């Protein structure tokens, strides 16, 4: 599973002699309402906007609520996919901040299946994920 604040992709990897032979996208779920948290954090730090005040705090609270909502939807979806596809161990690659939110959203049953990795790979194609998997030594 690769995911970020906007997208979750369930990915399969077939191995041949310890190295991934193929990688494919099984299914994906997208959030249409979550704003770009990274852009907001750059803005909040003053890189794009020097105004900090009540408006920014309200925006941040709203953004956090949207992220939490997507994380809950994603967790339910992941659990359904694990049941449907009989997945006993699921590696989840997500940015650290989103992994933290996902962790709070998971059921205890799903938590037993998940191995977390702090990496934003959701934007990569299936071929790029295959290369990443080999280079990172996840065989």
Protein backbone atom coordinates (compact mmCIF):
# COMPACT_ATOMS: atom_id res chain seq x y z
CA UNK A 1 0.00 0.00 0.00
CA UNK A 2 1.30 3.42 -0.96
CA UNK A 3 -0.62 6.46 0.20
CA UNK A 4 -0.52 10.12 1.06
CA UNK A 5 -3.02 12.82 2.04
CA UNK A 6 -4.86 12.50 -1.29
CA UNK A 7 -4.52 8.94 -2.53
CA UNK A 8 -4.29 5.33 -1.43
CA UNK A 9 -3.10 2.60 -3.80
CA UNK A 10 -3.09 -1.10 -3.10
CA UNK A 11 -0.10 -2.55 -4.95
CA UNK A 12 0.88 -6.19 -5.57
CA UNK A 13 4.40 -7.40 -6.13
CA UNK A 14 5.26 -10.79 -7.59
CA UNK A 15 8.73 -12.08 -6.75
CA UNK A 16 11.06 -14.27 -8.74
CA UNK A 17 14.21 -15.52 -7.01
CA UNK A 18 13.91 -12.88 -4.29
CA UNK A 19 13.63 -9.87 -6.62
CA UNK A 20 10.32 -8.29 -7.63
CA UNK A 21 9.42 -9.39 -11.14
CA UNK A 22 6.23 -7.39 -11.54
CA UNK A 23 4.39 -4.63 -9.74
CA UNK A 24 0.80 -3.68 -10.39
CA UNK A 25 -1.87 -1.39 -8.98
CA UNK A 26 -4.75 -3.51 -7.62
CA UNK A 27 -7.07 -0.68 -6.66
CA UNK A 28 -7.00 2.91 -5.45
CA UNK A 29 -9.04 5.37 -3.46
CA UNK A 30 -8.81 9.15 -3.78
CA UNK A 31 -9.79 12.07 -1.60
CA UNK A 32 -11.46 14.90 -3.48
CA UNK A 33 -11.71 17.25 -0.50
CA UNK A 34 -8.33 17.22 1.24
CA UNK A 35 -6.19 20.28 0.57
CA UNK A 36 -2.43 20.04 0.18
CA UNK A 37 -1.07 19.97 3.73
CA UNK A 38 2.52 20.39 2.53
CA UNK A 39 1.63 23.63 0.69
CA UNK A 40 -0.13 24.91 3.78
CA UNK A 41 2.87 24.10 5.99
CA UNK A 42 5.18 26.00 3.61
CA UNK A 43 2.75 28.92 3.76
CA UNK A 44 2.53 28.72 7.55
CA UNK A 45 6.34 28.77 7.83
CA UNK A 46 6.44 32.02 5.88
CA UNK A 47 7.86 30.69 2.63
CA UNK A 48 4.81 31.80 0.64
CA UNK A 49 2.79 33.99 2.95
CA UNK A 50 3.86 36.09 5.92
CA UNK A 51 0.37 36.43 7.40
CA UNK A 52 -0.26 34.20 10.40
CA UNK A 53 -3.43 34.58 12.38
CA UNK A 54 -6.91 33.30 13.18
CA UNK A 55 -7.72 32.62 9.51
CA UNK A 56 -4.68 30.31 9.20
CA UNK A 57 -5.55 28.47 12.43
CA UNK A 58 -9.12 27.88 11.24
CA UNK A 59 -7.85 26.64 7.89
CA UNK A 60 -5.39 24.30 9.62
CA UNK A 61 -8.12 22.87 11.90
CA UNK A 62 -10.39 22.31 8.89
CA UNK A 63 -7.55 20.70 6.95
CA UNK A 64 -6.73 18.39 9.86
CA UNK A 65 -10.39 17.34 10.10
CA UNK A 66 -10.42 16.54 6.36
CA UNK A 67 -7.20 14.54 6.70
CA UNK A 68 -8.64 12.60 9.63
CA UNK A 69 -11.81 11.88 7.64
CA UNK A 70 -9.82 10.59 4.66
CA UNK A 71 -7.60 8.50 6.96
CA UNK A 72 -10.70 6.87 8.45
CA UNK A 73 -12.13 6.16 4.98
CA UNK A 74 -8.77 4.81 3.85
CA UNK A 75 -8.47 2.57 6.92
CA UNK A 76 -11.91 1.06 6.32
CA UNK A 77 -11.05 0.56 2.64
CA UNK A 78 -7.69 -1.06 3.49
CA UNK A 79 -9.36 -3.44 5.93
CA UNK A 80 -11.96 -4.42 3.30
CA UNK A 81 -9.21 -5.02 0.71
CA UNK A 82 -7.21 -7.14 3.19
CA UNK A 83 -10.27 -9.29 3.92
CA UNK A 84 -11.31 -9.58 0.28
CA UNK A 85 -7.82 -10.44 -0.98
CA UNK A 86 -6.81 -12.45 2.12
CA UNK A 87 -3.81 -10.21 2.88
CA UNK A 88 -2.18 -11.19 6.16
CA UNK A 89 0.72 -8.65 6.13
CA UNK A 90 0.44 -5.22 4.54
CA UNK A 91 3.34 -2.81 4.11
CA UNK A 92 2.08 0.79 4.17
CA UNK A 93 4.30 3.48 2.67
CA UNK A 94 3.14 6.99 3.60
CA UNK A 95 4.65 10.32 4.68
CA UNK A 96 5.39 10.39 8.42
CA UNK A 97 2.64 12.91 9.22
CA UNK A 98 0.02 10.87 7.36
CA UNK A 99 1.24 7.56 8.86
CA UNK A 100 0.63 9.11 12.29
CA UNK A 101 -2.94 10.03 11.33
CA UNK A 102 -3.55 6.62 9.76
CA UNK A 103 -2.29 4.83 12.86
CA UNK A 104 -4.94 6.56 14.99
CA UNK A 105 -7.64 5.61 12.45
CA UNK A 106 -6.90 1.89 12.16
CA UNK A 107 -8.78 -0.84 13.96
CA UNK A 108 -6.72 -3.07 16.24
CA UNK A 109 -7.35 -5.95 13.82
CA UNK A 110 -5.86 -3.98 10.92
CA UNK A 111 -2.97 -2.72 13.06
CA UNK A 112 -1.80 -6.32 13.51
CA UNK A 113 -1.41 -6.66 9.72
CA UNK A 114 0.34 -3.36 9.02
CA UNK A 115 4.06 -2.68 8.75
CA UNK A 116 4.64 1.09 8.43
CA UNK A 117 7.27 2.77 6.26
CA UNK A 118 7.75 6.55 6.23
CA UNK A 119 7.97 7.29 2.50
CA UNK A 120 5.74 9.20 0.08
CA UNK A 121 5.53 6.85 -2.90
CA UNK A 122 1.90 7.35 -3.95
CA UNK A 123 2.90 9.48 -6.94
CA UNK A 124 5.09 6.74 -8.44
CA UNK A 125 4.02 4.55 -11.35
CA UNK A 126 4.00 0.76 -11.04
CA UNK A 127 7.38 0.55 -12.80
CA UNK A 128 8.89 3.24 -10.56
CA UNK A 129 7.60 1.35 -7.51
CA UNK A 130 9.26 -1.84 -8.79
CA UNK A 131 12.59 -0.03 -9.16
CA UNK A 132 12.19 1.59 -5.72
CA UNK A 133 11.45 -1.82 -4.18
CA UNK A 134 14.65 -3.31 -5.69
CA UNK A 135 16.89 -0.35 -4.81
CA UNK A 136 15.56 -0.11 -1.26
CA UNK A 137 16.28 -3.81 -0.75
CA UNK A 138 12.69 -4.84 0.00
CA UNK A 139 13.03 -8.33 -1.38
